[in-house]
């Protein structure tokens, strides 16, 4: 048992060993701990829903495509003799941070696809985190506005 769990157990059941019956059910310290735990457990489905929506938004954001400025080699038939590499600005997708990059020679040129192109997992996680925080902030603002409207009535 972790130390904080032991502290909760001591608070709820007393310091005696083997006691399975709460010592004081109406103890103010116990009620505060239980209220906090109940609020956090009740918010888990909302947090899970926000995370799922953030993942969906991040994956759908790949349709926001940008070109450049990084050059990528798209062939080797350029130059005066036709044997120099050809460079074009890279196609990338994802918002606010691009996380999918066109892989020339492997995938269809100028078309992003999860199976064929280069995926930057770190950038995808940043996008998910940005959307997650934005959703949680929007939910908090909406809840405060609802409370203000109720108080005015």
C-alpha atoms as a PDB file:
ATOM      1  CA  UNK A   1       0.000   0.000   0.000  1.00  0.00           C
ATOM      2  CA  UNK A   2       1.333   3.441  -0.888  1.00  0.00           C
ATOM      3  CA  UNK A   3       1.856   5.989   1.905  1.00  0.00           C
ATOM      4  CA  UNK A   4      -1.078   8.183   0.860  1.00  0.00           C
ATOM      5  CA  UNK A   5      -3.358   5.135   0.760  1.00  0.00           C
ATOM      6  CA  UNK A   6      -2.168   4.174   4.231  1.00  0.00           C
ATOM      7  CA  UNK A   7      -2.970   7.688   5.453  1.00  0.00           C
ATOM      8  CA  UNK A   8      -6.483   7.473   4.011  1.00  0.00           C
ATOM      9  CA  UNK A   9      -6.940   4.039   5.560  1.00  0.00           C
ATOM     10  CA  UNK A  10      -5.762   5.334   8.964  1.00  0.00           C
ATOM     11  CA  UNK A  11      -8.094   8.307   8.692  1.00  0.00           C
ATOM     12  CA  UNK A  12     -11.092   6.187   7.743  1.00  0.00           C
ATOM     13  CA  UNK A  13     -10.542   3.112   9.898  1.00  0.00           C
ATOM     14  CA  UNK A  14      -8.384   4.338  12.757  1.00  0.00           C
ATOM     15  CA  UNK A  15      -4.818   3.545  13.726  1.00  0.00           C
ATOM     16  CA  UNK A  16      -5.614   0.073  15.083  1.00  0.00           C
ATOM     17  CA  UNK A  17      -4.451  -2.972  13.178  1.00  0.00           C
ATOM     18  CA  UNK A  18      -6.964  -5.137  11.402  1.00  0.00           C
ATOM     19  CA  UNK A  19      -9.896  -2.803  12.018  1.00  0.00           C
ATOM     20  CA  UNK A  20     -12.339  -3.003   9.117  1.00  0.00           C
ATOM     21  CA  UNK A  21     -15.054  -0.810  10.594  1.00  0.00           C
ATOM     22  CA  UNK A  22     -14.836   2.967  10.252  1.00  0.00           C
ATOM     23  CA  UNK A  23     -14.165   4.686  13.558  1.00  0.00           C
ATOM     24  CA  UNK A  24     -16.117   7.891  12.879  1.00  0.00           C
ATOM     25  CA  UNK A  25     -18.280   8.165   9.802  1.00  0.00           C
ATOM     26  CA  UNK A  26     -19.013  11.863  10.319  1.00  0.00           C
ATOM     27  CA  UNK A  27     -15.438  12.887  10.946  1.00  0.00           C
ATOM     28  CA  UNK A  28     -14.847  16.157   8.968  1.00  0.00           C
ATOM     29  CA  UNK A  29     -11.432  15.044   7.719  1.00  0.00           C
ATOM     30  CA  UNK A  30     -12.915  11.833   6.317  1.00  0.00           C
ATOM     31  CA  UNK A  31     -15.726  13.666   4.568  1.00  0.00           C
ATOM     32  CA  UNK A  32     -13.272  16.044   2.895  1.00  0.00           C
ATOM     33  CA  UNK A  33     -11.116  13.190   1.630  1.00  0.00           C
ATOM     34  CA  UNK A  34     -14.106  11.241   0.375  1.00  0.00           C
ATOM     35  CA  UNK A  35     -15.608  14.299  -1.312  1.00  0.00           C
ATOM     36  CA  UNK A  36     -12.336  14.988  -3.120  1.00  0.00           C
ATOM     37  CA  UNK A  37     -12.007  11.363  -4.236  1.00  0.00           C
ATOM     38  CA  UNK A  38     -15.622  11.268  -5.445  1.00  0.00           C
ATOM     39  CA  UNK A  39     -15.180  14.481  -7.458  1.00  0.00           C
ATOM     40  CA  UNK A  40     -12.021  13.184  -9.115  1.00  0.00           C
ATOM     41  CA  UNK A  41     -13.572   9.819  -9.926  1.00  0.00           C
ATOM     42  CA  UNK A  42     -16.679  11.529 -11.319  1.00  0.00           C
ATOM     43  CA  UNK A  43     -14.556  13.651 -13.663  1.00  0.00           C
ATOM     44  CA  UNK A  44     -12.713  10.663 -15.213  1.00  0.00           C
ATOM     45  CA  UNK A  45     -15.332   9.986 -17.931  1.00  0.00           C
ATOM     46  CA  UNK A  46     -15.227  13.658 -18.976  1.00  0.00           C
ATOM     47  CA  UNK A  47     -11.442  13.595 -19.138  1.00  0.00           C
ATOM     48  CA  UNK A  48     -11.530  10.348 -21.139  1.00  0.00           C
ATOM     49  CA  UNK A  49     -14.059  11.840 -23.556  1.00  0.00           C
ATOM     50  CA  UNK A  50     -11.899  14.957 -23.955  1.00  0.00           C
ATOM     51  CA  UNK A  51      -8.861  12.779 -24.689  1.00  0.00           C
ATOM     52  CA  UNK A  52     -10.726  10.771 -27.347  1.00  0.00           C
ATOM     53  CA  UNK A  53     -11.973  13.975 -29.011  1.00  0.00           C
ATOM     54  CA  UNK A  54      -8.435  15.427 -28.899  1.00  0.00           C
ATOM     55  CA  UNK A  55      -7.028  12.323 -30.612  1.00  0.00           C
ATOM     56  CA  UNK A  56      -9.722  12.477 -33.300  1.00  0.00           C
ATOM     57  CA  UNK A  57      -9.091  16.179 -33.918  1.00  0.00           C
ATOM     58  CA  UNK A  58      -5.328  15.638 -34.130  1.00  0.00           C
ATOM     59  CA  UNK A  59      -5.717  12.796 -36.624  1.00  0.00           C
ATOM     60  CA  UNK A  60      -8.201  14.785 -38.717  1.00  0.00           C
ATOM     61  CA  UNK A  61      -5.854  17.785 -38.706  1.00  0.00           C
ATOM     62  CA  UNK A  62      -3.610  15.931 -41.171  1.00  0.00           C
ATOM     63  CA  UNK A  63      -5.898  17.311 -43.874  1.00  0.00           C
ATOM     64  CA  UNK A  64      -4.427  20.761 -43.121  1.00  0.00           C
ATOM     65  CA  UNK A  65      -1.459  20.529 -45.467  1.00  0.00           C
ATOM     66  CA  UNK A  66       1.466  22.911 -45.887  1.00  0.00           C
ATOM     67  CA  UNK A  67       4.383  22.950 -48.275  1.00  0.00           C
ATOM     68  CA  UNK A  68       7.973  23.766 -47.362  1.00  0.00           C
ATOM     69  CA  UNK A  69      10.299  25.236 -46.484  1.00  0.00           C
ATOM     70  CA  UNK A  70      12.444  22.104 -46.043  1.00  0.00           C
ATOM     71  CA  UNK A  71      13.636  20.709 -49.394  1.00  0.00           C
ATOM     72  CA  UNK A  72      13.141  17.007 -50.072  1.00  0.00           C
ATOM     73  CA  UNK A  73      14.676  14.964 -52.882  1.00  0.00           C
ATOM     74  CA  UNK A  74      11.983  13.980 -55.398  1.00  0.00           C
ATOM     75  CA  UNK A  75      14.072  12.263 -58.051  1.00  0.00           C
ATOM     76  CA  UNK A  76      17.417  12.321 -59.821  1.00  0.00           C
ATOM     77  CA  UNK A  77      16.688  13.596 -63.329  1.00  0.00           C
ATOM     78  CA  UNK A  78      17.456  17.281 -62.805  1.00  0.00           C
ATOM     79  CA  UNK A  79      20.315  19.562 -63.648  1.00  0.00           C
ATOM     80  CA  UNK A  80      22.008  20.252 -66.971  1.00  0.00           C
ATOM     81  CA  UNK A  81      23.031  16.631 -67.539  1.00  0.00           C
ATOM     82  CA  UNK A  82      19.894  15.029 -66.028  1.00  0.00           C
ATOM     83  CA  UNK A  83      21.709  13.147 -63.268  1.00  0.00           C
ATOM     84  CA  UNK A  84      21.441  15.612 -60.363  1.00  0.00           C
ATOM     85  CA  UNK A  85      18.884  15.211 -57.564  1.00  0.00           C
ATOM     86  CA  UNK A  86      15.613  17.127 -57.851  1.00  0.00           C
ATOM     87  CA  UNK A  87      14.556  19.073 -54.773  1.00  0.00           C
ATOM     88  CA  UNK A  88      11.095  20.375 -53.955  1.00  0.00           C
ATOM     89  CA  UNK A  89       9.650  21.800 -50.749  1.00  0.00           C
ATOM     90  CA  UNK A  90       8.321  19.063 -48.467  1.00  0.00           C
ATOM     91  CA  UNK A  91       4.577  18.445 -48.098  1.00  0.00           C
ATOM     92  CA  UNK A  92       3.532  18.103 -44.466  1.00  0.00           C
ATOM     93  CA  UNK A  93       0.237  17.719 -42.673  1.00  0.00           C
ATOM     94  CA  UNK A  94      -1.099  18.341 -39.189  1.00  0.00           C
ATOM     95  CA  UNK A  95      -2.101  21.364 -37.166  1.00  0.00           C
ATOM     96  CA  UNK A  96      -0.785  23.205 -35.134  1.00  0.00           C
ATOM     97  CA  UNK A  97       2.426  21.164 -35.430  1.00  0.00           C
ATOM     98  CA  UNK A  98       2.911  19.151 -38.636  1.00  0.00           C
ATOM     99  CA  UNK A  99       3.415  15.470 -37.869  1.00  0.00           C
ATOM    100  CA  UNK A 100       3.059  13.664 -41.209  1.00  0.00           C
ATOM    101  CA  UNK A 101       5.654  14.287 -43.931  1.00  0.00           C
ATOM    102  CA  UNK A 102       5.524  13.150 -47.557  1.00  0.00           C
ATOM    103  CA  UNK A 103       8.122  10.460 -48.251  1.00  0.00           C
ATOM    104  CA  UNK A 104       9.229  10.847 -51.874  1.00  0.00           C
ATOM    105  CA  UNK A 105       9.878   7.652 -53.755  1.00  0.00           C
ATOM    106  CA  UNK A 106       7.867   5.603 -51.260  1.00  0.00           C
ATOM    107  CA  UNK A 107       4.391   7.081 -51.446  1.00  0.00           C
ATOM    108  CA  UNK A 108       2.237   8.795 -54.032  1.00  0.00           C
ATOM    109  CA  UNK A 109       3.882  12.153 -54.664  1.00  0.00           C
ATOM    110  CA  UNK A 110       2.181  15.176 -53.051  1.00  0.00           C
ATOM    111  CA  UNK A 111      -0.409  13.040 -51.247  1.00  0.00           C
ATOM    112  CA  UNK A 112      -0.238  12.268 -47.508  1.00  0.00           C
ATOM    113  CA  UNK A 113      -1.052   8.800 -46.209  1.00  0.00           C
ATOM    114  CA  UNK A 114      -0.558   7.298 -42.754  1.00  0.00           C
ATOM    115  CA  UNK A 115       0.711   3.982 -44.073  1.00  0.00           C
ATOM    116  CA  UNK A 116       3.319   5.284 -46.490  1.00  0.00           C
ATOM    117  CA  UNK A 117       4.601   8.648 -45.283  1.00  0.00           C
ATOM    118  CA  UNK A 118       6.873   9.585 -42.376  1.00  0.00           C
ATOM    119  CA  UNK A 119       5.061  10.000 -39.061  1.00  0.00           C
ATOM    120  CA  UNK A 120       6.606  12.071 -36.278  1.00  0.00           C
ATOM    121  CA  UNK A 121       5.135  10.588 -33.084  1.00  0.00           C
ATOM    122  CA  UNK A 122       6.428  13.419 -30.902  1.00  0.00           C
ATOM    123  CA  UNK A 123       4.729  16.064 -33.030  1.00  0.00           C
ATOM    124  CA  UNK A 124       1.503  14.016 -33.041  1.00  0.00           C
ATOM    125  CA  UNK A 125       1.602  13.851 -29.229  1.00  0.00           C
ATOM    126  CA  UNK A 126       2.104  17.621 -29.080  1.00  0.00           C
ATOM    127  CA  UNK A 127      -0.953  18.104 -31.307  1.00  0.00           C
ATOM    128  CA  UNK A 128      -3.027  15.774 -29.126  1.00  0.00           C
ATOM    129  CA  UNK A 129      -1.886  17.638 -25.994  1.00  0.00           C
ATOM    130  CA  UNK A 130      -2.766  21.026 -27.521  1.00  0.00           C
ATOM    131  CA  UNK A 131      -6.259  19.868 -28.477  1.00  0.00           C
ATOM    132  CA  UNK A 132      -6.740  18.166 -25.090  1.00  0.00           C
ATOM    133  CA  UNK A 133      -5.830  21.319 -23.162  1.00  0.00           C
ATOM    134  CA  UNK A 134      -8.021  23.451 -25.441  1.00  0.00           C
ATOM    135  CA  UNK A 135     -11.011  21.137 -24.877  1.00  0.00           C
ATOM    136  CA  UNK A 136     -10.519  21.103 -21.102  1.00  0.00           C
ATOM    137  CA  UNK A 137     -10.198  24.903 -20.999  1.00  0.00           C
ATOM    138  CA  UNK A 138     -13.331  25.308 -23.121  1.00  0.00           C
ATOM    139  CA  UNK A 139     -15.221  22.924 -20.827  1.00  0.00           C
ATOM    140  CA  UNK A 140     -14.097  24.842 -17.740  1.00  0.00           C
ATOM    141  CA  UNK A 141     -15.122  28.196 -19.245  1.00  0.00           C
ATOM    142  CA  UNK A 142     -18.501  26.748 -20.267  1.00  0.00           C
ATOM    143  CA  UNK A 143     -19.063  25.370 -16.755  1.00  0.00           C
ATOM    144  CA  UNK A 144     -18.262  28.749 -15.174  1.00  0.00           C
ATOM    145  CA  UNK A 145     -20.600  30.535 -17.551  1.00  0.00           C
ATOM    146  CA  UNK A 146     -23.372  28.049 -16.718  1.00  0.00           C
ATOM    147  CA  UNK A 147     -22.820  28.665 -12.997  1.00  0.00           C
ATOM    148  CA  UNK A 148     -23.015  32.430 -13.482  1.00  0.00           C
ATOM    149  CA  UNK A 149     -26.258  32.113 -15.433  1.00  0.00           C
ATOM    150  CA  UNK A 150     -27.766  29.919 -12.690  1.00  0.00           C
ATOM    151  CA  UNK A 151     -26.701  32.354  -9.967  1.00  0.00           C
ATOM    152  CA  UNK A 152     -28.419  35.268 -11.752  1.00  0.00           C
ATOM    153  CA  UNK A 153     -31.754  33.477 -11.834  1.00  0.00           C
END
